Protein backbone atom coordinates (compact mmCIF):
# COMPACT_ATOMS: atom_id res chain seq x y z
CA UNK A 1 54.86 -44.43 357.53
CA UNK A 2 51.70 -42.48 358.32
CA UNK A 3 48.54 -43.71 356.68
CA UNK A 4 44.78 -43.45 357.09
CA UNK A 5 41.96 -45.83 356.09
CA UNK A 6 40.93 -43.35 353.38
CA UNK A 7 44.28 -44.02 351.67
CA UNK A 8 43.65 -47.77 351.38
CA UNK A 9 42.25 -49.02 348.08
CA UNK A 10 40.31 -52.30 348.17
CA UNK A 11 40.31 -54.50 345.08
CA UNK A 12 37.84 -57.40 344.92
CA UNK A 13 38.57 -59.84 342.06
CA UNK A 14 35.29 -61.35 340.85
CA UNK A 15 36.01 -63.29 337.71
CA UNK A 16 35.03 -66.89 338.28
CA UNK A 17 31.90 -68.72 337.16
CA UNK A 18 31.25 -70.08 340.68
CA UNK A 19 30.37 -73.53 339.38
CA UNK A 20 30.36 -75.09 342.86
CA UNK A 21 27.61 -72.68 343.95
CA UNK A 22 25.27 -73.56 341.10
CA UNK A 23 22.33 -73.35 340.64
CA UNK A 24 22.43 -70.19 342.78
CA UNK A 25 25.02 -68.66 340.43
CA UNK A 26 23.69 -69.73 337.02
CA UNK A 27 22.39 -66.20 336.36
CA UNK A 28 23.85 -64.31 339.32
CA UNK A 29 27.36 -63.45 340.49
CA UNK A 30 28.31 -65.32 343.64
CA UNK A 31 29.14 -61.97 345.24
CA UNK A 32 25.48 -60.89 345.00
CA UNK A 33 23.82 -64.12 346.12
CA UNK A 34 21.56 -63.12 349.01
CA UNK A 35 22.67 -64.09 352.51
CA UNK A 36 20.76 -62.95 355.62
CA UNK A 37 18.47 -61.05 353.24
CA UNK A 38 21.15 -58.93 351.53
CA UNK A 39 23.89 -59.41 348.93
CA UNK A 40 26.76 -61.48 350.29
CA UNK A 41 29.38 -58.90 349.32
CA UNK A 42 27.73 -56.24 351.48
CA UNK A 43 29.12 -57.89 354.61
CA UNK A 44 32.87 -57.43 353.94
CA UNK A 45 32.36 -54.05 352.25
CA UNK A 46 30.41 -52.74 355.24
CA UNK A 47 33.03 -54.18 357.63
CA UNK A 48 35.73 -52.11 355.89
CA UNK A 49 33.60 -49.04 355.20
CA UNK A 50 32.82 -48.75 358.92
CA UNK A 51 36.59 -48.59 359.50
CA UNK A 52 36.97 -45.68 357.09
CA UNK A 53 37.74 -47.25 353.69
CA UNK A 54 36.25 -45.15 350.90
CA UNK A 55 37.27 -46.74 347.61
CA UNK A 56 36.37 -50.23 346.41
CA UNK A 57 37.23 -51.58 342.97
CA UNK A 58 35.34 -54.59 341.65
CA UNK A 59 37.64 -56.68 339.49
CA UNK A 60 34.76 -58.00 337.39
CA UNK A 61 35.15 -60.38 334.48
CA UNK A 62 32.29 -61.67 332.36
CA UNK A 63 28.74 -60.51 331.72
CA UNK A 64 27.04 -62.13 334.71
CA UNK A 65 29.56 -60.80 337.23
CA UNK A 66 29.55 -57.28 335.82
CA UNK A 67 25.77 -57.02 335.45
CA UNK A 68 25.07 -58.42 338.92
CA UNK A 69 27.62 -56.17 340.62
CA UNK A 70 26.82 -52.96 338.78
CA UNK A 71 23.04 -53.38 339.01
CA UNK A 72 23.32 -54.10 342.75
CA UNK A 73 25.91 -51.54 343.88
CA UNK A 74 26.24 -48.94 341.08
CA UNK A 75 28.61 -46.14 342.21
CA UNK A 76 28.01 -46.56 345.95
CA UNK A 77 25.50 -43.78 346.62
CA UNK A 78 22.67 -46.12 347.64
CA UNK A 79 24.93 -48.30 349.79
CA UNK A 80 26.27 -45.25 351.61
CA UNK A 81 22.79 -43.85 352.24
CA UNK A 82 21.46 -47.18 353.51
CA UNK A 83 24.22 -47.50 356.09
CA UNK A 84 24.67 -43.80 356.89
CA UNK A 85 28.27 -43.61 355.66
CA UNK A 86 29.52 -40.02 355.22
CA UNK A 87 31.39 -39.01 353.16
CA UNK A 88 30.14 -41.76 350.89
CA UNK A 89 32.10 -44.70 349.55
CA UNK A 90 32.96 -45.00 345.86
CA UNK A 91 32.58 -48.21 343.86
CA UNK A 92 34.60 -48.58 340.68
CA UNK A 93 34.78 -51.35 338.10
CA UNK A 94 37.49 -53.09 336.13
CA UNK A 95 37.65 -51.87 332.53
CA UNK A 96 36.63 -54.39 329.91
CA UNK A 97 39.98 -56.16 329.88
CA UNK A 98 39.91 -59.90 330.45
CA UNK A 99 42.21 -61.09 333.20
CA UNK A 100 43.95 -64.46 333.37
CA UNK A 101 43.65 -64.86 337.15
CA UNK A 102 42.84 -62.91 340.30
CA UNK A 103 46.37 -61.46 340.52
CA UNK A 104 46.07 -60.25 336.93
CA UNK A 105 42.79 -58.55 337.84
CA UNK A 106 44.61 -56.73 340.64
CA UNK A 107 47.42 -55.75 338.23
CA UNK A 108 44.94 -54.38 335.66
CA UNK A 109 43.13 -52.24 338.23
CA UNK A 110 46.27 -50.96 339.95
CA UNK A 111 47.51 -49.79 336.54
CA UNK A 112 44.21 -48.42 335.27
CA UNK A 113 43.43 -46.47 338.45
CA UNK A 114 47.10 -45.55 338.99
CA UNK A 115 47.15 -46.85 342.53
CA UNK A 116 50.21 -45.77 344.52
CA UNK A 117 48.71 -46.50 347.93
CA UNK A 118 48.41 -49.55 350.15
CA UNK A 119 46.09 -52.02 348.46
CA UNK A 120 43.89 -54.51 350.28
CA UNK A 121 42.66 -57.49 348.26
CA UNK A 122 39.61 -59.43 349.44
CA UNK A 123 37.56 -62.10 347.71
CA UNK A 124 33.98 -61.64 346.53
CA UNK A 125 32.72 -64.79 348.24
CA UNK A 126 34.33 -64.31 351.66
CA UNK A 127 32.77 -63.09 354.89
CA UNK A 128 35.36 -61.42 357.10
CA UNK A 129 35.98 -59.54 360.29
CA UNK A 130 39.32 -57.77 360.17
CA UNK A 131 41.01 -55.06 362.23
CA UNK A 132 42.28 -52.93 359.34
CA UNK A 133 44.50 -50.71 361.48
CA UNK A 134 46.26 -53.64 363.11
CA UNK A 135 46.67 -55.50 359.80
CA UNK A 136 48.14 -52.57 357.87
CA UNK A 137 50.46 -51.56 360.72
CA UNK A 138 51.69 -55.17 360.90
CA UNK A 139 52.39 -55.06 357.15
CA UNK A 140 54.26 -51.74 357.32
CA UNK A 141 56.31 -52.59 360.41
CA UNK A 142 57.75 -55.63 358.63
CA UNK A 143 58.47 -53.84 355.38
CA UNK A 144 56.43 -56.51 353.57
CA UNK A 145 55.79 -56.53 349.87
CA UNK A 146 52.76 -58.72 350.58
CA UNK A 147 51.03 -59.79 353.77
CA UNK A 148 48.68 -62.77 353.64
CA UNK A 149 45.96 -63.16 356.26
CA UNK A 150 46.10 -66.77 357.51
CA UNK A 151 43.74 -68.78 359.66
CA UNK A 152 43.97 -72.16 361.37
CA UNK A 153 41.62 -74.58 359.61
CA UNK A 154 40.62 -78.21 360.15
CA UNK A 155 40.59 -79.35 356.51
CA UNK A 156 43.24 -77.62 354.44
CA UNK A 157 42.90 -79.60 351.20
CA UNK A 158 40.92 -76.95 349.30
CA UNK A 159 43.13 -74.02 350.29
CA UNK A 160 46.62 -72.64 349.98
CA UNK A 161 48.68 -73.54 353.07
CA UNK A 162 51.62 -71.53 354.47
CA UNK A 163 54.65 -72.49 356.49
CA UNK A 164 55.92 -69.64 358.68
CA UNK A 165 59.36 -68.88 360.02
CA UNK A 166 59.89 -67.59 363.57
CA UNK A 167 59.68 -64.02 362.25
CA UNK A 168 56.28 -64.73 360.60
CA UNK A 169 57.82 -64.58 357.15
CA UNK A 170 56.35 -67.23 354.84
CA UNK A 171 58.98 -69.86 354.00
CA UNK A 172 56.81 -72.14 351.90
CA UNK A 173 53.36 -72.04 350.33
CA UNK A 174 51.48 -75.06 348.92
CA UNK A 175 48.26 -74.61 346.97
CA UNK A 176 45.64 -77.31 347.70
CA UNK A 177 48.08 -79.86 349.15
CA UNK A 178 47.48 -83.57 348.80
CA UNK A 179 46.89 -85.75 351.84
CA UNK A 180 49.88 -85.53 354.16
CA UNK A 181 51.67 -82.81 352.16
CA UNK A 182 50.37 -79.71 353.96
CA UNK A 183 53.21 -77.81 355.67
CA UNK A 184 50.89 -76.54 358.44
CA UNK A 185 47.22 -75.97 359.29
CA UNK A 186 47.39 -72.26 358.37
CA UNK A 187 45.29 -71.56 355.29
CA UNK A 188 45.25 -68.59 352.95
CA UNK A 189 42.04 -66.62 353.52
CA UNK A 190 42.43 -64.70 350.25
CA UNK A 191 42.93 -61.42 352.13
CA UNK A 192 46.14 -59.66 351.09
CA UNK A 193 47.84 -56.37 351.88
CA UNK A 194 50.02 -55.24 348.97
CA UNK A 195 52.75 -52.63 348.89
CA UNK A 196 52.49 -50.34 345.84
CA UNK A 197 55.93 -51.72 344.91
CA UNK A 198 54.21 -54.88 343.72
CA UNK A 199 53.39 -52.98 340.53
CA UNK A 200 57.08 -53.22 339.64
CA UNK A 201 56.97 -56.98 340.16
CA UNK A 202 53.84 -57.26 337.99
CA UNK A 203 55.68 -55.34 335.26
CA UNK A 204 58.77 -57.57 335.39
CA UNK A 205 59.69 -59.79 332.47
CA UNK A 206 59.18 -63.05 334.39
CA UNK A 207 55.68 -62.14 335.56
CA UNK A 208 54.80 -60.81 332.10
CA UNK A 209 55.76 -64.22 330.67
CA UNK A 210 53.65 -65.90 333.32
CA UNK A 211 50.71 -63.74 332.26
CA UNK A 212 51.24 -64.54 328.58
CA UNK A 213 51.04 -68.23 329.47
CA UNK A 214 47.66 -67.59 331.12
CA UNK A 215 48.98 -68.14 334.66
CA UNK A 216 48.43 -65.30 337.08
CA UNK A 217 46.52 -66.62 340.06
CA UNK A 218 47.74 -65.51 343.50
CA UNK A 219 47.67 -68.93 345.14
CA UNK A 220 48.87 -71.07 342.25
CA UNK A 221 51.36 -68.72 340.62
CA UNK A 222 52.20 -65.36 342.19
CA UNK A 223 52.65 -66.21 345.88
CA UNK A 224 54.98 -69.19 345.21
CA UNK A 225 56.90 -67.01 342.74
CA UNK A 226 57.36 -64.16 345.24
CA UNK A 227 58.57 -66.55 347.94
CA UNK A 228 60.96 -68.34 345.59
CA UNK A 229 62.51 -65.00 344.57
CA UNK A 230 63.02 -63.91 348.17
CA UNK A 231 60.51 -61.09 348.28
CA UNK A 232 59.29 -60.25 351.82
CA UNK A 233 55.96 -62.10 352.08
CA UNK A 234 54.58 -62.31 355.62
CA UNK A 235 51.74 -64.14 357.30
CA UNK A 236 49.23 -62.46 359.61
CA UNK A 237 47.35 -65.04 361.68
CA UNK A 238 43.78 -64.21 362.67
CA UNK A 239 41.11 -65.93 364.72
CA UNK A 240 38.39 -63.54 363.61
CA UNK A 241 35.27 -64.57 361.74
CA UNK A 242 36.02 -65.77 358.23
CA UNK A 243 34.00 -67.86 355.81
CA UNK A 244 34.70 -68.94 352.27
CA UNK A 245 31.14 -69.20 350.94
CA UNK A 246 32.16 -71.40 348.01
CA UNK A 247 29.48 -74.09 348.10
CA UNK A 248 25.81 -74.30 349.17
CA UNK A 249 26.91 -76.29 352.23
CA UNK A 250 29.33 -73.53 353.28
CA UNK A 251 26.64 -70.96 352.54
CA UNK A 252 24.33 -72.63 355.06
CA UNK A 253 27.16 -72.95 357.61
CA UNK A 254 27.88 -69.22 357.27
CA UNK A 255 24.19 -68.35 357.52
CA UNK A 256 23.72 -70.34 360.73
CA UNK A 257 26.90 -68.91 362.30
CA UNK A 258 25.99 -65.31 361.50
CA UNK A 259 22.41 -65.81 362.66
CA UNK A 260 23.59 -67.10 366.01
CA UNK A 261 26.40 -64.60 366.62
CA UNK A 262 25.76 -61.22 364.95
CA UNK A 263 24.52 -58.36 367.08
CA UNK A 264 21.05 -56.97 366.47
CA UNK A 265 22.35 -53.82 364.77
CA UNK A 266 24.40 -55.94 362.33
CA UNK A 267 21.45 -58.17 361.47
CA UNK A 268 19.49 -54.96 360.81
CA UNK A 269 16.22 -56.24 362.24
CA UNK A 270 14.16 -55.91 365.39
CA UNK A 271 14.57 -58.63 367.98
CA UNK A 272 11.11 -59.74 369.07
CA UNK A 273 11.96 -62.02 372.01
CA UNK A 274 14.74 -61.20 374.48
CA UNK A 275 15.12 -64.88 375.40
CA UNK A 276 15.51 -66.05 371.79
CA UNK A 277 17.31 -64.82 368.69
CA UNK A 278 14.22 -64.08 366.59
CA UNK A 279 14.48 -61.08 364.27
CA UNK A 280 11.91 -59.50 361.95
CA UNK A 281 12.92 -56.72 359.55
CA UNK A 282 11.00 -53.63 358.57
CA UNK A 283 11.27 -49.86 359.16
CA UNK A 284 8.63 -48.30 356.90
CA UNK A 285 5.04 -47.97 358.22
CA UNK A 286 3.79 -50.66 355.83
CA UNK A 287 6.52 -53.16 356.69
CA UNK A 288 6.15 -52.45 360.42
CA UNK A 289 2.46 -53.37 360.13
CA UNK A 290 3.44 -56.68 358.53
CA UNK A 291 6.09 -57.22 361.20
CA UNK A 292 3.56 -56.63 363.98
CA UNK A 293 1.26 -59.30 362.52
CA UNK A 294 4.12 -61.83 362.65
CA UNK A 295 5.13 -60.79 366.18
CA UNK A 296 1.55 -61.10 367.46
CA UNK A 297 1.21 -64.51 365.84
CA UNK A 298 4.43 -65.63 367.56
CA UNK A 299 3.35 -64.32 370.96
CA UNK A 300 0.01 -66.13 370.68
CA UNK A 301 1.70 -69.43 369.91
CA UNK A 302 0.47 -69.63 366.31
CA UNK A 303 4.07 -69.46 365.03
CA UNK A 304 6.70 -71.75 366.57
CA UNK A 305 10.35 -70.69 366.39
CA UNK A 306 13.49 -72.50 367.60
CA UNK A 307 17.12 -71.44 367.40
CA UNK A 308 17.99 -68.27 365.47
CA UNK A 309 15.60 -66.98 362.81
CA UNK A 310 15.47 -63.91 360.56
CA UNK A 311 12.29 -62.90 358.73
CA UNK A 312 12.49 -60.14 356.13
CA UNK A 313 10.28 -57.20 355.22
CA UNK A 314 6.70 -57.65 354.03
CA UNK A 315 6.64 -61.38 354.71
CA UNK A 316 3.35 -63.21 355.27
CA UNK A 317 3.55 -66.15 357.66
CA UNK A 318 0.61 -68.53 358.10
CA UNK A 319 -0.63 -70.40 361.18
CA UNK A 320 1.19 -73.33 362.79
CA UNK A 321 4.36 -72.58 360.83
CA UNK A 322 7.62 -73.95 362.30
CA UNK A 323 10.89 -72.07 361.74
CA UNK A 324 14.28 -73.24 363.05
CA UNK A 325 17.73 -71.73 362.41
CA UNK A 326 16.58 -70.29 359.09
CA UNK A 327 16.08 -67.10 357.12
CA UNK A 328 13.01 -66.03 355.15
CA UNK A 329 13.70 -63.13 352.79
CA UNK A 330 11.61 -60.10 351.85
CA UNK A 331 8.13 -60.38 350.31
CA UNK A 332 7.96 -64.16 350.83
CA UNK A 333 4.78 -66.05 351.73
CA UNK A 334 4.82 -69.08 354.02
CA UNK A 335 1.43 -70.80 354.25
CA UNK A 336 -0.14 -72.75 357.11
CA UNK A 337 1.63 -75.77 358.62
CA UNK A 338 4.85 -75.25 356.65
CA UNK A 339 8.14 -76.30 358.25
CA UNK A 340 11.49 -74.62 357.46
CA UNK A 341 14.55 -76.01 359.25
CA UNK A 342 18.24 -74.98 358.84
CA UNK A 343 17.42 -73.46 355.48
CA UNK A 344 17.49 -70.20 353.56
CA UNK A 345 14.41 -69.04 351.67
CA UNK A 346 15.27 -66.07 349.45
CA UNK A 347 13.04 -63.18 348.50
CA UNK A 348 9.59 -63.37 346.94
CA UNK A 349 9.30 -67.11 347.44
CA UNK A 350 5.95 -68.86 347.90
CA UNK A 351 6.00 -71.77 350.35
CA UNK A 352 2.71 -73.63 350.19
CA UNK A 353 0.65 -75.30 352.88
CA UNK A 354 2.34 -78.18 354.67
CA UNK A 355 5.61 -77.81 352.72
CA UNK A 356 8.71 -79.17 354.48
CA UNK A 357 12.14 -77.63 353.77
CA UNK A 358 15.22 -78.94 355.58
CA UNK A 359 18.94 -78.16 355.11
CA UNK A 360 18.21 -76.50 351.78
CA UNK A 361 18.60 -73.23 349.90
CA UNK A 362 15.54 -71.90 348.06
CA UNK A 363 16.48 -69.13 345.62
CA UNK A 364 14.49 -66.09 344.48
CA UNK A 365 10.89 -66.10 343.23
CA UNK A 366 10.48 -69.87 343.74
CA UNK A 367 7.01 -71.38 344.14
CA UNK A 368 6.68 -74.59 346.15
CA UNK A 369 3.13 -75.87 346.28
CA UNK A 370 1.30 -77.77 349.02
CA UNK A 371 2.74 -80.89 350.61
CA UNK A 372 6.11 -80.80 348.80
CA UNK A 373 9.27 -81.89 350.65
CA UNK A 374 12.69 -80.34 349.92
CA UNK A 375 15.55 -82.04 351.79
CA UNK A 376 19.29 -81.23 351.48
CA UNK A 377 18.71 -79.60 348.10
CA UNK A 378 19.29 -76.33 346.25
CA UNK A 379 16.52 -74.81 344.15
CA UNK A 380 17.45 -72.14 341.57
CA UNK A 381 15.62 -68.90 340.80
CA UNK A 382 12.06 -68.88 339.49
CA UNK A 383 11.46 -72.63 339.81
CA UNK A 384 7.91 -73.98 340.24
CA UNK A 385 7.58 -77.18 342.27
CA UNK A 386 4.09 -78.58 342.11
CA UNK A 387 2.16 -80.24 344.95
CA UNK A 388 3.28 -83.46 346.58
CA UNK A 389 6.78 -83.43 345.10
CA UNK A 390 9.75 -84.85 347.00
CA UNK A 391 13.25 -83.52 346.22
CA UNK A 392 16.21 -84.97 348.15
CA UNK A 393 19.97 -84.35 347.69
CA UNK A 394 19.31 -82.59 344.40
CA UNK A 395 19.93 -79.33 342.52
CA UNK A 396 17.34 -77.70 340.26
CA UNK A 397 18.48 -75.07 337.72
CA UNK A 398 16.45 -71.82 337.29
CA UNK A 399 13.07 -71.51 335.52
CA UNK A 400 12.16 -75.21 335.62
CA UNK A 401 8.74 -76.62 336.51
CA UNK A 402 8.66 -79.88 338.46
CA UNK A 403 5.45 -81.86 337.95
CA UNK A 404 3.17 -82.80 340.84
CA UNK A 405 4.05 -85.85 342.94
CA UNK A 406 7.48 -86.24 341.33
CA UNK A 407 10.26 -87.94 343.30
CA UNK A 408 13.70 -86.51 342.56
CA UNK A 409 16.61 -88.00 344.52
CA UNK A 410 20.36 -87.42 344.01
CA UNK A 411 19.76 -85.55 340.77
CA UNK A 412 21.01 -82.38 339.08
CA UNK A 413 18.40 -80.91 336.73
CA UNK A 414 20.16 -78.38 334.48
C-alpha cells in the first residue's frame, strides 16, 4: 500500500486531570505545561510535522484541557510560522462530546472527522522521537489492525506490559502488573498505529457495550480485548527517546535529558560557550541585547554555569548567580547570589537575592523573595514566597502567599 505522511492523521487524547502533576496542572493542561521554555506538546508535534504530518486532532475533554490547548495552538497558523512549516499544519479539536477513555476519544474523532486513513495516536504528556516511515511501513507489512510502540523499561509497574511472539505479534498484555506478574520488560509507550478498519471494531456490539459501561481505555480495556479476540496486534520495539512526563520528578528527568542531548537547532537558542552546553534564547533586537548582557556577564566570571543550562528571552540575571543543569524561562529575573540547581524556573518568575532552588519546579509568574530556600518542591503559578522561607519536599497550589520565615516541610498546600 502506497502512503505519504500527509495521509496520516494524528489523534492526541487529552482528557485526564493530570492529578500527579499538580500543582502545575491545577489551572493548565499537562500538554501545555512549559518544558525547555515552550509547551510540552510542541515537542512531539514538531517531531511529526518535520516528517510531513499535516493534520493533528486534539482529543480534548474538560474546560481546562480545551482552553489551554486552543489558546496555545489555535488552528496551527502560528505554530507553522514559528517553525517554518509549509504548507502549514492544521490543528483540530474534539467536538463537545465527553469520552469515557482515551480509546473512546479516538473513536469519537475518527467518526466525526470521517477518518479513512492510517491513524497515529500519541499521548499529550509524552516526549518522543519516532521514525514515522519505518513505523508505518512495519504496520502495513504485517497487516496489523493495531501496532503498539514498545520500549524496554526498568520499572514496569506503572505501565502496560506486552509479551511478544517470535513474529512480533502481541500474545499477552498486562496493564500495570503487580510485582512478579509482568510478562516482559517491554512497556506500552502510548504510541499506536491504527488501521482504519478499527472503526468497525469500535462500532461492534461488544465494544459498544464496553463503552456504555464506561470502559474504553486502550491499556485497560481495548488492547486486551483485541488480543483476546485474535485481532492482529503487533509490537514495534524502539530504543529512541521517549519520556512519559507524568509527574514532577519525571518532568525534571526529561528536562535534564533534553538539555544534555538536544542539538542547538532543536533547543532553539544560541550556544554561548563551545566547551559547555550553555544556551541563551533571543532573536529580536531587544532580546539579543538582553542576551548579550548575560553572555558578557558569563565571560567575565560574574555568572557561574555548570552542566547544561537554557536561559530564555528577555531574562535578567544578577551577579554571582550559579546555574546548574537548569532552565530559566522568558522574562524572568534572577537577582544577585541566587543559586538554581537541577531545577526549572518558568516564565516571568522573580527569584530574589540569595535564593536557593534545588531539584524543584517553579511555575509561571512566581515571586520568591530574598534568602528563601526551595528544595525538592513544586511551586504553582502566581505564588508569592516571602523572604527567609524554607520549603522542602512540598507542593504549593497556585495564587498562595507564604509568609516570611515560614518553614514548610513535607506538606501539600492546596
